[in-house]
Amino acid sequence: MSQYIQDTLRNNLRSIVSSCTVPQQKAIHEIVRGLFLKQTPILRHLAQDASITVKKQAEKYGRHLEQSALKKPVDAHALRRVKKEMTEDTIIAYDLTDIAKEYAQSMEKLSRVFDGSKRESVSGYTLHGVGVHDMLLKFEVHDGEMHTLNHIRRKIVEELSLAFEKQGIWVFDRGNDHKSLFVELRHELQVRFVARLKENRHVVVKETGEKCAVKNLAPGKYEVYLMNRYNTHVDTRYLYTLIISKHLEDKEPIRLLSSLPKDAYTEQEFVTIYLERWGVESSFRRAKQKFQLERIRVLSYQKFVNLVALVQFAVNVSRIMFLALQKTTTTLMVGVILLYKRFTKLKNLTFNTDSFISYLGHQLTPLVRRKAPPQQLSFFSWRHMGKLGPF
């Protein structure tokens, strides 16, 4: 069974490392295997060769990560998987996450990020994430020295919307509540979207002409216009759908703005479309908790980007194998799933992708190095061989 898992990893890695040199390919294979075995991105912990010191293996991994470019092939691998399943109503979730490196000082291109767990600003990195069907299409480390967050967000949306031929519905959290983004999405990029609004967003209701903040509107569906930057004039060029829904009794109403027509979906369907974005949040959590993403310890920005890309790949491959187990009925796959169910029962785990990642680490074995064959025995003594001299 472990051979099937190893072969699946190897087959998926081929497209990622096809442009790398042979030493780089071997190092990347070892790193990915180590990510599943140790479930940590610390290079010294990924060492698997007992005949070489841990320090030398970590130096080898770091050297090859510095010389490789893995982000684009990892993104392309995920895109190929998702394009086959894209439909007109597929949800494409965009969100930002962060990697807090509070005590790091020498890492390249550190910036200030908001650590949600501590509710304070710390040193770290911001990541752009895009998810479809729990697959991470993008997990891009933001380079604040070169571009703004808005610039990279537009580039990602433009690139993927072209790849999907305008199919799908983009979903944004309220951290992306910005009038220029809504105009950009609808007019320039011509994509369909649903975005959550902050309570102080001002709109003009088409039916009554009333200007008000969305927090003052009763639950329901409205056709609205947005105000200009300073809320002094109405932008009547674009009509939007506003949904205000009290989907949870003890919570504030959810306020959504969409480029979709008012009658395209019911109020509950609009809310469901937005809530499906939690798939990308689950992928973020998986990368941070199951592979301990925030424990990366490399000084070079290029190494950091490549390690994040390999964690993205590991999350995606886990999801691919987990879905394949549930869809295939071959004898081999049935055997794998029976062992997995036994593993979850023994470990008291739930049948999901997170426990499957733990199972993969349990099934994979460290690399076994092939020993060099012994020297061929000679029919002559060493004295006779000395007299014969070199051949």
Foldseek 3Di string as FASTA:
>chain_A
DLVVVLVLLVVLCCLQCVVPDPLLSVLLSLQLLLCLQVLANAQLSSDFDPVDHSVVSSVSSLVSLLVDDRQVSLLVSLLVVCLVPFAQAWEKEKDKDWQAPQPDDQAPQWDWDQDPVVRHIGITWMWIFIDTPLATSGGFTDRPVPDDPVVVVLVVCLVVCVVNVLGHEYEEEQVPPDPVVVCCVCPVSNHKYKYWHDQQFWWQFPVPRDIDGNLPDDFDKTWIFHAPPVNPHTDPPAIWIWGWAPPDVVDHTIIMIISDDRPPDGNVVSVVSNVVSCSRVVSVCCLCPSNVLSPDDDRYPSSNRSSSSSSSSSSNSLVVLLVVLVVDDDPVSVVVVVVLVVVCVVVVHDSDSSSSSNVSNVSHDRDDDDDDDDDDDDPDDPVVVVVVPDD
